[in-house]
């Protein structure tokens, strides 16, 4: 193989790698004082979870700092997005429905919610803490 063929192969590999997209990491911290979209670092983290879900695209990860996140409407990860919503410390980020709403609905089948405590959720039907319509399995720890 001559050097032009090798260079062509390397260039082709580079073009293929350029087509691979990586998700953005976004941040939530209830104590942040300089919240600013698109929430891509701790200094500008959102103080609420849903705006970050809304600003995210499939493949993004949302990291949530410890704290109590009181909600007046359920959090919703729509089926159109595949996201990872992760507490930075196991069970230290609390989604609190305040007895007025469900904690979270995960409509898609590939999103991951990890490390949260969900409390005081309410729904007159079912799933006051979490609802996962269309899922055959749901795991908790």
N, C-alpha and C. Protein backbone atom coordinates (compact mmCIF):
# COMPACT_ATOMS: atom_id res chain seq x y z
N UNK A 1 0.85 -1.16 0.00
CA UNK A 1 0.00 0.00 0.00
C UNK A 1 0.90 1.23 0.00
N UNK A 2 0.66 2.14 -0.93
CA UNK A 2 1.50 3.33 -0.95
C UNK A 2 0.96 4.40 0.00
N UNK A 3 1.72 5.46 0.16
CA UNK A 3 1.34 6.46 1.16
C UNK A 3 0.07 7.21 0.78
N UNK A 4 -0.28 7.31 -0.52
CA UNK A 4 -1.52 7.98 -0.91
C UNK A 4 -2.74 7.14 -0.52
N UNK A 5 -2.62 5.83 -0.64
CA UNK A 5 -3.71 4.96 -0.23
C UNK A 5 -3.90 5.03 1.29
N UNK A 6 -2.80 5.04 2.01
CA UNK A 6 -2.90 5.14 3.48
C UNK A 6 -3.52 6.47 3.88
N UNK A 7 -3.09 7.55 3.26
CA UNK A 7 -3.64 8.87 3.58
C UNK A 7 -5.13 8.91 3.25
N UNK A 8 -5.51 8.30 2.14
CA UNK A 8 -6.93 8.25 1.78
C UNK A 8 -7.74 7.46 2.79
N UNK A 9 -7.17 6.35 3.27
CA UNK A 9 -7.86 5.54 4.28
C UNK A 9 -8.02 6.30 5.59
N UNK A 10 -6.99 7.02 5.99
CA UNK A 10 -7.07 7.82 7.22
C UNK A 10 -8.10 8.93 7.06
N UNK A 11 -8.11 9.58 5.90
CA UNK A 11 -9.09 10.65 5.65
C UNK A 11 -10.51 10.10 5.68
N UNK A 12 -10.73 8.93 5.09
CA UNK A 12 -12.05 8.31 5.09
C UNK A 12 -12.48 7.95 6.51
N UNK A 13 -11.56 7.42 7.30
CA UNK A 13 -11.87 7.11 8.69
C UNK A 13 -12.24 8.38 9.45
N UNK A 14 -11.54 9.47 9.19
CA UNK A 14 -11.85 10.75 9.84
C UNK A 14 -13.23 11.25 9.46
N UNK A 15 -13.62 11.09 8.21
CA UNK A 15 -14.96 11.50 7.78
C UNK A 15 -16.03 10.66 8.45
N UNK A 16 -15.79 9.37 8.57
CA UNK A 16 -16.75 8.50 9.25
C UNK A 16 -16.88 8.89 10.71
N UNK A 17 -15.77 9.16 11.38
CA UNK A 17 -15.80 9.54 12.79
C UNK A 17 -16.52 10.87 12.97
N UNK A 18 -16.38 11.79 12.01
CA UNK A 18 -17.04 13.09 12.11
C UNK A 18 -18.55 12.95 12.08
N UNK A 19 -19.06 11.88 11.47
CA UNK A 19 -20.49 11.66 11.41
C UNK A 19 -21.09 11.12 12.69
N UNK A 20 -20.24 10.69 13.62
CA UNK A 20 -20.73 10.16 14.89
C UNK A 20 -21.05 11.34 15.81
N UNK A 21 -22.25 11.36 16.35
CA UNK A 21 -22.61 12.46 17.23
C UNK A 21 -22.62 11.99 18.68
N UNK A 22 -22.17 12.84 19.54
CA UNK A 22 -22.17 12.55 20.96
C UNK A 22 -23.16 13.49 21.63
N UNK A 23 -23.84 12.99 22.65
CA UNK A 23 -24.80 13.82 23.35
C UNK A 23 -24.12 14.89 24.19
N UNK A 24 -24.89 15.86 24.55
CA UNK A 24 -24.44 16.95 25.41
C UNK A 24 -24.76 16.60 26.85
N UNK A 25 -23.87 16.96 27.76
CA UNK A 25 -24.16 16.81 29.18
C UNK A 25 -24.72 18.13 29.67
N UNK A 26 -25.88 18.07 30.33
CA UNK A 26 -26.54 19.26 30.87
C UNK A 26 -26.66 19.08 32.38
N UNK A 27 -26.84 20.19 33.09
CA UNK A 27 -26.74 20.17 34.54
C UNK A 27 -27.93 20.84 35.23
N UNK A 28 -28.28 20.28 36.39
CA UNK A 28 -29.35 20.83 37.23
C UNK A 28 -28.82 20.91 38.66
N UNK A 29 -29.00 22.08 39.27
CA UNK A 29 -28.60 22.27 40.67
C UNK A 29 -29.58 23.24 41.32
N UNK A 30 -30.37 22.75 42.25
CA UNK A 30 -31.40 23.57 42.89
C UNK A 30 -30.80 24.81 43.55
N UNK A 31 -29.53 24.80 43.87
CA UNK A 31 -28.88 25.92 44.54
C UNK A 31 -28.12 26.87 43.60
N UNK A 32 -28.19 26.65 42.30
CA UNK A 32 -27.46 27.50 41.35
C UNK A 32 -28.06 28.91 41.34
N UNK A 33 -27.21 29.93 41.32
CA UNK A 33 -27.70 31.31 41.31
C UNK A 33 -27.55 31.99 39.95
N UNK A 34 -26.92 31.31 39.00
CA UNK A 34 -26.71 31.90 37.67
C UNK A 34 -27.26 30.99 36.58
N UNK A 35 -28.47 30.50 36.75
CA UNK A 35 -29.08 29.56 35.80
C UNK A 35 -29.22 30.21 34.42
N UNK A 36 -28.70 29.52 33.40
CA UNK A 36 -28.73 30.07 32.05
C UNK A 36 -28.72 28.93 31.03
N UNK A 37 -29.73 28.90 30.16
CA UNK A 37 -29.77 27.89 29.10
C UNK A 37 -28.55 28.06 28.22
N UNK A 38 -27.99 27.00 27.69
CA UNK A 38 -28.48 25.62 27.59
C UNK A 38 -28.03 24.70 28.72
N UNK A 39 -27.61 25.25 29.86
CA UNK A 39 -27.33 24.47 31.08
C UNK A 39 -26.20 23.45 30.88
N UNK A 40 -25.12 23.85 30.21
CA UNK A 40 -24.06 22.91 29.85
C UNK A 40 -22.87 22.91 30.81
N UNK A 41 -23.00 23.55 31.97
CA UNK A 41 -21.97 23.45 33.00
C UNK A 41 -22.61 23.75 34.36
N UNK A 42 -21.91 23.41 35.43
CA UNK A 42 -22.47 23.60 36.77
C UNK A 42 -22.71 25.07 37.08
N UNK A 43 -21.90 25.97 36.55
CA UNK A 43 -22.04 27.40 36.86
C UNK A 43 -23.34 27.98 36.31
N UNK A 44 -23.88 27.38 35.23
CA UNK A 44 -25.13 27.89 34.64
C UNK A 44 -26.24 26.84 34.68
N UNK A 45 -26.14 25.92 35.62
CA UNK A 45 -27.12 24.83 35.74
C UNK A 45 -28.53 25.38 35.98
N UNK A 46 -29.52 24.67 35.48
CA UNK A 46 -30.91 25.02 35.76
C UNK A 46 -31.22 24.68 37.22
N UNK A 47 -32.16 25.40 37.80
CA UNK A 47 -32.60 25.07 39.15
C UNK A 47 -33.78 24.11 39.14
N UNK A 48 -34.31 23.83 37.95
CA UNK A 48 -35.43 22.90 37.78
C UNK A 48 -35.09 21.86 36.73
N UNK A 49 -35.66 20.68 36.86
CA UNK A 49 -35.32 19.57 35.97
C UNK A 49 -36.03 19.66 34.61
N UNK A 50 -37.33 19.99 34.57
CA UNK A 50 -38.08 19.94 33.32
C UNK A 50 -37.53 20.86 32.23
N UNK A 51 -37.10 22.10 32.54
CA UNK A 51 -36.53 22.93 31.47
C UNK A 51 -35.32 22.28 30.79
N UNK A 52 -34.55 21.51 31.55
CA UNK A 52 -33.38 20.84 30.98
C UNK A 52 -33.82 19.68 30.10
N UNK A 53 -34.83 18.94 30.53
CA UNK A 53 -35.40 17.88 29.68
C UNK A 53 -35.88 18.49 28.38
N UNK A 54 -36.59 19.62 28.47
CA UNK A 54 -37.13 20.28 27.28
C UNK A 54 -36.02 20.77 26.35
N UNK A 55 -34.90 21.23 26.91
CA UNK A 55 -33.79 21.76 26.11
C UNK A 55 -32.91 20.66 25.52
N UNK A 56 -33.08 19.43 25.99
CA UNK A 56 -32.21 18.32 25.58
C UNK A 56 -32.65 17.68 24.28
N UNK A 57 -31.70 17.01 23.67
CA UNK A 57 -31.94 16.20 22.47
C UNK A 57 -31.62 14.75 22.80
N UNK A 58 -32.12 13.85 21.99
CA UNK A 58 -31.81 12.43 22.20
C UNK A 58 -30.31 12.23 22.29
N UNK A 59 -29.91 11.40 23.24
CA UNK A 59 -28.49 11.12 23.45
C UNK A 59 -27.86 11.97 24.55
N UNK A 60 -28.56 13.01 25.00
CA UNK A 60 -28.02 13.87 26.05
C UNK A 60 -28.09 13.18 27.41
N UNK A 61 -27.19 13.60 28.29
CA UNK A 61 -27.22 13.18 29.70
C UNK A 61 -27.52 14.41 30.54
N UNK A 62 -28.36 14.23 31.54
CA UNK A 62 -28.69 15.30 32.47
C UNK A 62 -28.21 14.87 33.85
N UNK A 63 -27.30 15.64 34.43
CA UNK A 63 -26.77 15.34 35.75
C UNK A 63 -27.44 16.27 36.75
N UNK A 64 -27.96 15.69 37.81
CA UNK A 64 -28.72 16.45 38.81
C UNK A 64 -27.99 16.40 40.15
N UNK A 65 -27.69 17.58 40.69
CA UNK A 65 -27.00 17.69 41.97
C UNK A 65 -27.95 17.33 43.11
N UNK A 66 -27.39 16.94 44.26
CA UNK A 66 -28.23 16.65 45.42
C UNK A 66 -29.11 17.86 45.80
N UNK A 67 -30.30 17.55 46.27
CA UNK A 67 -31.23 18.59 46.69
C UNK A 67 -32.65 18.11 46.52
N UNK A 68 -33.60 18.90 46.99
CA UNK A 68 -35.01 18.57 46.85
C UNK A 68 -35.58 19.43 45.73
N UNK A 69 -36.11 18.77 44.70
CA UNK A 69 -36.69 19.43 43.54
C UNK A 69 -38.21 19.32 43.65
N UNK A 70 -38.83 20.39 44.16
CA UNK A 70 -40.28 20.41 44.35
C UNK A 70 -40.93 20.78 43.02
N UNK A 71 -41.89 19.95 42.61
CA UNK A 71 -42.54 20.17 41.33
C UNK A 71 -44.04 20.38 41.54
N UNK A 72 -44.65 21.17 40.67
CA UNK A 72 -46.10 21.38 40.70
C UNK A 72 -46.77 20.66 39.55
N UNK A 73 -45.98 20.18 38.60
CA UNK A 73 -46.47 19.38 37.48
C UNK A 73 -45.45 18.27 37.26
N UNK A 74 -45.92 17.10 36.88
CA UNK A 74 -45.02 15.96 36.74
C UNK A 74 -43.92 16.23 35.72
N UNK A 75 -42.76 15.66 35.98
CA UNK A 75 -41.68 15.68 35.00
C UNK A 75 -42.05 14.72 33.89
N UNK A 76 -41.69 15.05 32.66
CA UNK A 76 -42.06 14.19 31.54
C UNK A 76 -40.90 14.07 30.56
N UNK A 77 -40.44 12.84 30.37
CA UNK A 77 -39.48 12.56 29.29
C UNK A 77 -40.31 11.98 28.15
N UNK A 78 -40.48 12.73 27.05
CA UNK A 78 -41.35 12.26 25.97
C UNK A 78 -40.74 11.09 25.20
N UNK A 79 -41.60 10.36 24.53
CA UNK A 79 -41.17 9.20 23.74
C UNK A 79 -40.21 9.61 22.63
N UNK A 80 -40.27 10.86 22.20
CA UNK A 80 -39.42 11.33 21.10
C UNK A 80 -37.96 11.55 21.51
N UNK A 81 -37.66 11.45 22.81
CA UNK A 81 -36.30 11.68 23.28
C UNK A 81 -35.79 10.47 24.05
N UNK A 82 -34.53 10.12 23.80
CA UNK A 82 -33.85 9.09 24.57
C UNK A 82 -32.80 9.82 25.41
N UNK A 83 -33.06 9.93 26.71
CA UNK A 83 -32.20 10.69 27.61
C UNK A 83 -31.73 9.84 28.78
N UNK A 84 -30.65 10.28 29.40
CA UNK A 84 -30.22 9.71 30.67
C UNK A 84 -30.32 10.83 31.70
N UNK A 85 -31.17 10.61 32.70
CA UNK A 85 -31.36 11.56 33.80
C UNK A 85 -30.74 10.91 35.02
N UNK A 86 -29.66 11.52 35.54
CA UNK A 86 -28.87 10.84 36.56
C UNK A 86 -28.60 11.76 37.75
N UNK A 87 -28.86 11.24 38.95
CA UNK A 87 -28.47 11.93 40.18
C UNK A 87 -26.97 11.72 40.36
N UNK A 88 -26.26 12.78 40.73
CA UNK A 88 -24.81 12.64 40.91
C UNK A 88 -24.45 11.86 42.16
N UNK A 89 -25.38 11.77 43.10
CA UNK A 89 -25.19 10.95 44.30
C UNK A 89 -26.44 10.12 44.50
N UNK A 90 -26.27 8.84 44.70
CA UNK A 90 -27.41 7.93 44.81
C UNK A 90 -28.42 8.39 45.85
N UNK A 91 -29.63 8.56 45.42
CA UNK A 91 -30.80 8.93 46.23
C UNK A 91 -30.69 10.29 46.89
N UNK A 92 -29.71 11.11 46.54
CA UNK A 92 -29.55 12.43 47.16
C UNK A 92 -30.31 13.52 46.42
N UNK A 93 -30.71 13.25 45.18
CA UNK A 93 -31.58 14.17 44.44
C UNK A 93 -33.00 13.65 44.61
N UNK A 94 -33.88 14.51 45.12
CA UNK A 94 -35.24 14.11 45.46
C UNK A 94 -36.23 14.84 44.56
N UNK A 95 -37.08 14.07 43.88
CA UNK A 95 -38.18 14.63 43.10
C UNK A 95 -39.40 14.58 44.02
N UNK A 96 -39.92 15.74 44.39
CA UNK A 96 -41.01 15.84 45.36
C UNK A 96 -42.26 16.37 44.67
N UNK A 97 -43.27 15.49 44.52
CA UNK A 97 -44.54 15.87 43.90
C UNK A 97 -45.46 16.67 44.80
N UNK A 98 -45.06 16.90 46.03
CA UNK A 98 -45.80 17.72 46.99
C UNK A 98 -47.25 17.29 47.20
N UNK A 99 -47.55 16.03 46.87
CA UNK A 99 -48.91 15.52 47.03
C UNK A 99 -49.89 16.02 46.00
N UNK A 100 -49.40 16.71 44.95
CA UNK A 100 -50.31 17.27 43.94
C UNK A 100 -50.12 16.68 42.54
N UNK A 101 -48.99 16.02 42.31
CA UNK A 101 -48.75 15.48 40.97
C UNK A 101 -47.84 14.26 41.03
N UNK A 102 -47.86 13.47 39.97
CA UNK A 102 -46.95 12.34 39.81
C UNK A 102 -45.53 12.89 39.75
N UNK A 103 -44.57 12.08 40.17
CA UNK A 103 -43.17 12.49 40.13
C UNK A 103 -42.63 12.61 38.71
N UNK A 104 -42.73 11.54 37.93
CA UNK A 104 -42.15 11.54 36.59
C UNK A 104 -42.85 10.52 35.70
N UNK A 105 -42.99 10.88 34.43
CA UNK A 105 -43.46 9.96 33.41
C UNK A 105 -42.35 9.79 32.39
N UNK A 106 -42.00 8.55 32.11
CA UNK A 106 -40.98 8.23 31.11
C UNK A 106 -41.70 7.53 29.97
N UNK A 107 -41.97 8.26 28.88
CA UNK A 107 -42.79 7.71 27.81
C UNK A 107 -42.01 6.84 26.83
N UNK A 108 -40.75 7.14 26.61
CA UNK A 108 -39.95 6.35 25.68
C UNK A 108 -39.49 5.05 26.31
N UNK A 109 -39.00 4.16 25.48
CA UNK A 109 -38.57 2.86 26.00
C UNK A 109 -37.07 2.78 26.26
N UNK A 110 -36.29 3.79 25.86
CA UNK A 110 -34.84 3.70 26.01
C UNK A 110 -34.24 4.74 26.93
N UNK A 111 -35.04 5.59 27.53
CA UNK A 111 -34.50 6.57 28.47
C UNK A 111 -34.16 5.90 29.80
N UNK A 112 -33.21 6.49 30.52
CA UNK A 112 -32.75 5.96 31.80
C UNK A 112 -32.90 7.05 32.86
N UNK A 113 -33.49 6.70 33.98
CA UNK A 113 -33.56 7.59 35.14
C UNK A 113 -32.89 6.82 36.28
N UNK A 114 -31.87 7.44 36.88
CA UNK A 114 -31.02 6.68 37.79
C UNK A 114 -30.65 7.48 39.04
N UNK A 115 -30.85 6.86 40.20
CA UNK A 115 -30.31 7.38 41.44
C UNK A 115 -31.18 8.38 42.19
N UNK A 116 -32.44 8.51 41.84
CA UNK A 116 -33.33 9.49 42.47
C UNK A 116 -34.18 8.88 43.58
N UNK A 117 -34.60 9.73 44.48
CA UNK A 117 -35.69 9.42 45.40
C UNK A 117 -36.90 10.18 44.88
N UNK A 118 -38.02 9.48 44.71
CA UNK A 118 -39.26 10.13 44.28
C UNK A 118 -40.23 10.01 45.45
N UNK A 119 -40.74 11.15 45.91
CA UNK A 119 -41.62 11.11 47.08
C UNK A 119 -42.81 12.06 46.89
N UNK A 120 -43.84 11.81 47.69
CA UNK A 120 -45.04 12.64 47.74
C UNK A 120 -45.69 12.82 46.38
N UNK A 121 -45.61 11.79 45.53
CA UNK A 121 -46.28 11.84 44.24
C UNK A 121 -47.75 11.50 44.38
N UNK A 122 -48.55 12.00 43.45
CA UNK A 122 -49.99 11.73 43.49
C UNK A 122 -50.53 11.62 42.08
N UNK A 123 -51.34 10.62 41.86
CA UNK A 123 -52.11 10.49 40.63
C UNK A 123 -53.39 9.74 41.00
N UNK A 124 -54.55 10.23 40.60
CA UNK A 124 -55.80 9.56 40.99
C UNK A 124 -55.96 8.18 40.36
N UNK A 125 -55.22 7.90 39.29
CA UNK A 125 -55.30 6.59 38.65
C UNK A 125 -54.27 5.64 39.20
N UNK A 126 -53.07 5.70 38.68
CA UNK A 126 -52.00 4.80 39.08
C UNK A 126 -50.66 5.50 38.86
N UNK A 127 -49.64 4.99 39.49
CA UNK A 127 -48.28 5.49 39.26
C UNK A 127 -48.03 6.87 39.83
N UNK A 128 -48.32 7.07 41.10
CA UNK A 128 -48.11 8.37 41.71
C UNK A 128 -46.65 8.80 41.74
N UNK A 129 -45.74 7.85 41.86
CA UNK A 129 -44.32 8.18 41.87
C UNK A 129 -43.75 8.27 40.47
N UNK A 130 -43.98 7.20 39.70
CA UNK A 130 -43.40 7.11 38.36
C UNK A 130 -44.33 6.32 37.46
N UNK A 131 -44.49 6.78 36.24
CA UNK A 131 -45.26 6.05 35.25
C UNK A 131 -44.38 5.82 34.03
N UNK A 132 -44.41 4.59 33.54
CA UNK A 132 -43.60 4.22 32.38
C UNK A 132 -44.51 3.51 31.38
N UNK A 133 -45.40 4.23 30.71
CA UNK A 133 -46.31 3.57 29.78
C UNK A 133 -45.55 2.86 28.66
N UNK A 134 -45.99 1.66 28.34
CA UNK A 134 -45.39 0.90 27.26
C UNK A 134 -44.19 0.07 27.65
N UNK A 135 -43.71 0.18 28.86
CA UNK A 135 -42.55 -0.61 29.29
C UNK A 135 -43.01 -1.94 29.83
N UNK A 136 -42.28 -2.97 29.47
CA UNK A 136 -42.56 -4.29 29.99
C UNK A 136 -41.88 -4.52 31.34
N UNK A 137 -40.76 -3.82 31.56
CA UNK A 137 -40.00 -3.99 32.81
C UNK A 137 -39.58 -2.63 33.33
N UNK A 138 -39.53 -2.54 34.62
CA UNK A 138 -39.07 -1.31 35.25
C UNK A 138 -38.32 -1.71 36.51
N UNK A 139 -37.12 -1.23 36.67
CA UNK A 139 -36.32 -1.63 37.83
C UNK A 139 -36.11 -0.48 38.78
N UNK A 140 -36.12 -0.78 40.05
CA UNK A 140 -35.80 0.20 41.08
C UNK A 140 -34.78 -0.40 42.04
N UNK A 141 -34.10 0.46 42.74
CA UNK A 141 -33.13 -0.02 43.72
C UNK A 141 -33.35 0.68 45.04
